[in-house]
Amino acid sequence: MHLLKIEWLKVRSYRTFWILFGGFVLLFPLTFYFFIDKYNESVDNNAQGKMISSLLDNPSFFPKIWHSASWFGGLFFILVGMLLILLVTNEVQYRTHRQNIIDGLSREEFMLSKMLVGLVLAIAATLVVILSALVVGLIFSKDTSHLFEGMKYIGFFFLMALQYLMVALVIAFLIKRTGLAIIIYFAFVFIIDNLLWVSLIKNNSKVGYFLPLESTDSLVPNPFIPRMMAQRNVEDSSLLICAAIYFVLMAVLIMRYFKKVDLKN
């Protein structure tokens, strides 16, 4: 709590923080609602759309809405990862990380404080996804008897959020410069990770699903693609173990790096 209190004092008047996080909190629910509304409208007015929707188990209704909201939230979560990069690189560029350590924090405590910020952001984003799914589901669902059946995808979203934030932390501490770190983060998430995944799943190979981000992304597949088109042939348990290993390895990497790095640079 002491470390979180210190971090709160840093961000409470940081306008960029509130703009980016507020963007996620406001844009995600609104976009999700309008997307589901348009999807239902296209299904209701189109015989082909009704057939496709039946193959998808109605992703705009309970219990599939939890899956849809979790997948949709992953598309927006890049904003939160960028926010964490800003918080870390600003401290490095303005040397406030050195001042924290001069004032009595150990290097381990400083790193732990950033991880705790990431944890709080992941929890907050997960709550936004839960509330959005619940409200949108109640608006559009005709049957709520299976309301909580698909909530495992909320847990998967939380794990995915933690993984993305840990990757953001690694990039931020290694690159240090805000602009370059954000560019590399975007490139890794949208280009490098996807290219590696495509190249590694050829010939029904399972290797591509064990990449750092794919290990959690694959837990929340696109709910708007029929099951018969799904390619994944890896168990959820294997992906969860892989994601946990990556998470620990990245945490150890940045802890060891920050313990040895010269803070004057």
Protein backbone atom coordinates (compact mmCIF):
# COMPACT_ATOMS: atom_id res chain seq x y z
CA MET A 1 0.00 0.00 0.00
CA HIS A 2 2.92 2.33 0.70
CA LEU A 3 4.30 1.80 -2.80
CA LEU A 4 0.88 2.27 -4.39
CA LYS A 5 0.41 5.49 -2.43
CA ILE A 6 3.69 6.81 -3.86
CA GLU A 7 2.57 5.90 -7.40
CA TRP A 8 -0.80 7.58 -6.83
CA LEU A 9 0.93 10.83 -5.89
CA LYS A 10 2.77 10.66 -9.21
CA VAL A 11 -0.25 10.08 -11.45
CA ARG A 12 -3.11 11.94 -9.76
CA SER A 13 -2.32 15.17 -11.58
CA TYR A 14 -0.81 13.57 -14.71
CA ARG A 15 -3.24 14.62 -17.43
CA THR A 16 -1.98 12.16 -20.07
CA PHE A 17 -2.62 9.27 -17.67
CA TRP A 18 -6.27 10.22 -17.21
CA ILE A 19 -6.78 10.92 -20.92
CA LEU A 20 -5.44 7.51 -21.98
CA PHE A 21 -7.08 5.48 -19.24
CA GLY A 22 -10.27 7.49 -19.54
CA GLY A 23 -10.17 6.76 -23.27
CA PHE A 24 -10.23 3.03 -22.52
CA VAL A 25 -12.95 3.35 -19.86
CA LEU A 26 -15.22 5.41 -22.13
CA LEU A 27 -14.41 4.24 -25.65
CA PHE A 28 -14.48 0.51 -24.99
CA PRO A 29 -18.03 0.24 -23.56
CA LEU A 30 -19.48 2.62 -26.14
CA THR A 31 -17.76 0.94 -29.08
CA PHE A 32 -18.70 -2.50 -27.80
CA TYR A 33 -22.34 -1.49 -27.41
CA PHE A 34 -22.58 0.00 -30.92
CA PHE A 35 -20.74 -2.97 -32.43
CA ILE A 36 -23.15 -5.46 -30.83
CA ASP A 37 -26.12 -3.28 -31.81
CA LYS A 38 -25.01 -3.19 -35.47
CA TYR A 39 -24.24 -6.90 -35.40
CA ASN A 40 -27.74 -7.72 -34.13
CA GLU A 41 -29.25 -5.36 -36.67
CA SER A 42 -27.44 -7.11 -39.53
CA VAL A 43 -28.49 -10.52 -38.20
CA ASP A 44 -32.15 -9.54 -37.84
CA ASN A 45 -32.35 -8.12 -41.35
CA ASN A 46 -30.41 -10.81 -43.16
CA ALA A 47 -31.20 -14.53 -43.52
CA GLN A 48 -27.52 -15.28 -44.11
CA GLY A 49 -26.64 -13.31 -40.98
CA LYS A 50 -29.07 -15.39 -38.92
CA MET A 51 -27.44 -18.58 -40.14
CA ILE A 52 -23.95 -17.28 -39.30
CA SER A 53 -25.12 -16.12 -35.87
CA SER A 54 -26.52 -19.58 -35.10
CA LEU A 55 -23.12 -21.08 -35.91
CA LEU A 56 -21.50 -18.60 -33.50
CA ASP A 57 -23.85 -19.39 -30.58
CA ASN A 58 -25.14 -15.79 -30.60
CA PRO A 59 -22.02 -13.85 -29.45
CA SER A 60 -24.19 -10.85 -28.53
CA PHE A 61 -26.27 -12.75 -25.95
CA PHE A 62 -25.57 -14.44 -22.62
CA PRO A 63 -23.49 -16.46 -21.94
CA LYS A 64 -21.35 -15.84 -25.09
CA ILE A 65 -21.30 -12.08 -24.40
CA TRP A 66 -18.54 -12.62 -21.81
CA HIS A 67 -16.36 -14.11 -24.53
CA SER A 68 -17.20 -11.31 -26.96
CA ALA A 69 -16.46 -8.55 -24.43
CA SER A 70 -13.15 -10.16 -23.42
CA TRP A 71 -12.00 -10.45 -27.02
CA PHE A 72 -13.15 -6.91 -27.84
CA GLY A 73 -11.42 -5.58 -24.71
CA GLY A 74 -8.15 -7.05 -25.95
CA LEU A 75 -8.37 -4.82 -29.03
CA PHE A 76 -8.52 -1.71 -26.83
CA PHE A 77 -6.06 -2.79 -24.16
CA ILE A 78 -3.13 -1.55 -26.21
CA LEU A 79 -4.00 1.90 -24.81
CA VAL A 80 -3.33 0.72 -21.26
CA GLY A 81 -0.02 -0.88 -22.28
CA MET A 82 1.03 2.39 -23.89
CA LEU A 83 0.06 4.19 -20.69
CA LEU A 84 2.34 2.00 -18.57
CA ILE A 85 5.21 2.64 -20.99
CA LEU A 86 4.67 6.39 -20.58
CA LEU A 87 4.73 6.13 -16.77
CA VAL A 88 8.02 4.19 -16.78
CA THR A 89 9.91 6.03 -19.52
CA ASN A 90 8.98 9.45 -18.12
CA GLU A 91 10.54 8.48 -14.79
CA VAL A 92 13.71 7.34 -16.54
CA GLN A 93 13.96 10.38 -18.81
CA TYR A 94 13.33 12.89 -16.01
CA ARG A 95 15.54 10.94 -13.55
CA THR A 96 12.77 10.67 -10.95
CA HIS A 97 13.57 6.95 -10.59
CA ARG A 98 16.99 7.97 -9.27
CA GLN A 99 15.38 10.40 -6.84
CA ASN A 100 13.06 7.67 -5.54
CA ILE A 101 16.06 5.50 -4.72
CA ILE A 102 17.98 8.41 -3.19
CA ASP A 103 14.91 9.08 -1.02
CA GLY A 104 15.00 5.55 0.38
CA LEU A 105 13.33 3.12 -2.00
CA SER A 106 15.35 0.06 -2.94
CA ARG A 107 15.63 -0.88 -6.60
CA GLU A 108 13.45 -3.93 -5.92
CA GLU A 109 10.76 -1.74 -4.34
CA PHE A 110 10.81 0.65 -7.29
CA MET A 111 10.35 -2.23 -9.73
CA LEU A 112 7.66 -3.78 -7.54
CA SER A 113 5.80 -0.46 -7.48
CA LYS A 114 5.61 -0.47 -11.30
CA MET A 115 4.39 -4.06 -11.32
CA LEU A 116 1.73 -3.14 -8.78
CA VAL A 117 0.60 -0.27 -11.01
CA GLY A 118 0.30 -2.77 -13.84
CA LEU A 119 -1.74 -5.08 -11.59
CA VAL A 120 -4.11 -2.25 -10.63
CA LEU A 121 -4.53 -1.25 -14.28
CA ALA A 122 -5.28 -4.86 -15.25
CA ILE A 123 -7.87 -5.18 -12.45
CA ALA A 124 -9.50 -1.87 -13.41
CA ALA A 125 -9.65 -2.84 -17.10
CA THR A 126 -11.15 -6.22 -16.19
CA LEU A 127 -13.86 -4.52 -14.14
CA VAL A 128 -14.68 -2.31 -17.13
CA VAL A 129 -15.00 -5.41 -19.33
CA ILE A 130 -17.24 -7.14 -16.75
CA LEU A 131 -19.57 -4.14 -16.41
CA SER A 132 -19.70 -3.62 -20.18
CA ALA A 133 -20.53 -7.28 -20.85
CA LEU A 134 -23.17 -7.29 -18.10
CA VAL A 135 -24.92 -4.12 -19.26
CA VAL A 136 -24.78 -4.89 -23.00
CA GLY A 137 -25.82 -8.49 -22.34
CA LEU A 138 -28.82 -7.42 -20.27
CA ILE A 139 -29.85 -4.95 -22.98
CA PHE A 140 -29.77 -7.43 -25.86
CA SER A 141 -30.25 -10.89 -24.33
CA LYS A 142 -33.72 -12.41 -24.29
CA ASP A 143 -32.70 -15.22 -21.93
CA THR A 144 -30.53 -14.62 -18.84
CA SER A 145 -30.84 -18.07 -17.29
CA HIS A 146 -27.21 -18.87 -18.23
CA LEU A 147 -25.91 -15.44 -17.33
CA PHE A 148 -22.62 -16.44 -15.64
CA GLU A 149 -21.68 -19.56 -17.62
CA GLY A 150 -19.02 -18.01 -19.85
CA MET A 151 -17.16 -15.98 -17.24
CA LYS A 152 -13.97 -17.99 -17.60
CA TYR A 153 -13.16 -15.63 -20.49
CA ILE A 154 -13.07 -12.73 -18.04
CA GLY A 155 -10.30 -14.55 -16.20
CA PHE A 156 -8.52 -15.14 -19.49
CA PHE A 157 -8.80 -11.44 -20.31
CA PHE A 158 -7.22 -10.57 -16.95
CA LEU A 159 -4.29 -12.90 -17.66
CA MET A 160 -3.94 -11.43 -21.15
CA ALA A 161 -3.90 -7.91 -19.68
CA LEU A 162 -1.15 -8.88 -17.21
CA GLN A 163 0.93 -10.41 -20.02
CA TYR A 164 0.60 -7.35 -22.25
CA LEU A 165 1.56 -5.06 -19.37
CA MET A 166 4.59 -7.16 -18.50
CA VAL A 167 5.75 -6.98 -22.12
CA ALA A 168 5.22 -3.20 -21.97
CA LEU A 169 7.34 -3.02 -18.80
CA VAL A 170 10.18 -4.98 -20.37
CA ILE A 171 10.20 -2.76 -23.46
CA ALA A 172 9.96 0.43 -21.39
CA PHE A 173 12.92 -0.43 -19.13
CA LEU A 174 15.12 -1.73 -21.94
CA ILE A 175 14.41 1.05 -24.46
CA LYS A 176 13.88 3.96 -21.99
CA ARG A 177 12.86 6.51 -24.64
CA THR A 178 9.11 7.06 -24.76
CA GLY A 179 8.53 7.42 -28.49
CA LEU A 180 10.79 4.55 -29.52
CA ALA A 181 9.43 2.27 -26.78
CA ILE A 182 5.83 2.89 -27.89
CA ILE A 183 6.73 2.25 -31.56
CA ILE A 184 8.44 -1.03 -30.66
CA TYR A 185 5.50 -2.03 -28.46
CA PHE A 186 3.00 -1.40 -31.25
CA ALA A 187 5.24 -3.17 -33.79
CA PHE A 188 5.65 -6.19 -31.51
CA VAL A 189 1.93 -6.47 -30.70
CA PHE A 190 0.50 -5.84 -34.18
CA ILE A 191 3.22 -6.97 -36.59
CA ILE A 192 6.04 -9.10 -35.17
CA ASP A 193 3.88 -11.31 -32.97
CA ASN A 194 1.33 -11.94 -35.75
CA LEU A 195 3.97 -12.63 -38.40
CA LEU A 196 5.72 -15.12 -36.13
CA TRP A 197 2.39 -16.77 -35.30
CA VAL A 198 1.42 -17.16 -38.98
CA SER A 199 4.84 -18.57 -39.91
CA LEU A 200 4.91 -21.00 -36.98
CA ILE A 201 1.42 -22.54 -37.33
CA LYS A 202 2.00 -23.80 -40.84
CA ASN A 203 1.39 -27.51 -41.37
CA ASN A 204 -0.74 -27.69 -38.20
CA SER A 205 2.23 -26.88 -35.98
CA LYS A 206 1.45 -25.92 -32.37
CA VAL A 207 4.60 -23.84 -31.83
CA GLY A 208 2.99 -20.52 -32.77
CA TYR A 209 0.54 -20.74 -29.88
CA PHE A 210 3.39 -20.69 -27.37
CA LEU A 211 4.70 -17.23 -28.25
CA PRO A 212 4.65 -14.72 -25.34
CA LEU A 213 1.48 -12.89 -26.40
CA GLU A 214 -0.18 -15.71 -28.31
CA SER A 215 -0.17 -17.90 -25.21
CA THR A 216 -2.83 -15.60 -23.73
CA ASP A 217 -4.38 -14.27 -26.96
CA SER A 218 -5.28 -17.83 -27.95
CA LEU A 219 -7.28 -18.25 -24.75
CA VAL A 220 -9.71 -15.62 -26.07
CA PRO A 221 -10.20 -16.46 -29.77
CA ASN A 222 -12.34 -14.33 -32.06
CA PRO A 223 -15.97 -15.16 -31.11
CA PHE A 224 -17.24 -13.86 -34.45
CA ILE A 225 -15.58 -16.69 -36.40
CA PRO A 226 -17.48 -20.01 -36.65
CA ARG A 227 -16.05 -22.85 -34.56
CA MET A 228 -15.47 -24.95 -37.67
CA MET A 229 -12.91 -22.35 -38.82
CA ALA A 230 -10.97 -22.39 -35.54
CA GLN A 231 -7.42 -23.66 -35.94
CA ARG A 232 -6.18 -23.99 -32.36
CA ASN A 233 -5.37 -27.53 -31.31
CA VAL A 234 -3.72 -26.71 -27.98
CA GLU A 235 -5.36 -27.21 -24.58
CA ASP A 236 -6.13 -24.20 -22.38
CA SER A 237 -4.06 -25.70 -19.55
CA SER A 238 -0.95 -25.82 -21.75
CA LEU A 239 -1.40 -22.17 -22.73
CA LEU A 240 -1.93 -21.14 -19.09
CA ILE A 241 1.29 -22.88 -18.01
CA CYS A 242 3.19 -21.29 -20.90
CA ALA A 243 1.84 -17.82 -20.08
CA ALA A 244 2.82 -18.22 -16.41
CA ILE A 245 6.37 -19.23 -17.39
CA TYR A 246 6.73 -16.22 -19.68
CA PHE A 247 5.37 -13.92 -16.97
CA VAL A 248 7.87 -15.16 -14.38
CA LEU A 249 10.78 -15.01 -16.86
CA MET A 250 9.96 -11.41 -17.83
CA ALA A 251 9.58 -10.38 -14.18
CA VAL A 252 12.96 -11.92 -13.30
CA LEU A 253 14.56 -10.34 -16.38
CA ILE A 254 13.55 -6.77 -15.57
CA MET A 255 14.28 -7.21 -11.84
CA ARG A 256 17.83 -8.40 -12.54
CA TYR A 257 18.35 -5.79 -15.23
CA PHE A 258 17.25 -2.90 -13.01
CA LYS A 259 19.39 -4.12 -10.09
CA LYS A 260 22.53 -3.88 -12.25
CA VAL A 261 21.81 -0.99 -14.61
CA ASP A 262 23.63 2.31 -14.18
CA LEU A 263 20.92 4.83 -13.20
CA LYS A 264 23.03 7.73 -14.48
CA ASN A 265 22.35 6.65 -18.09
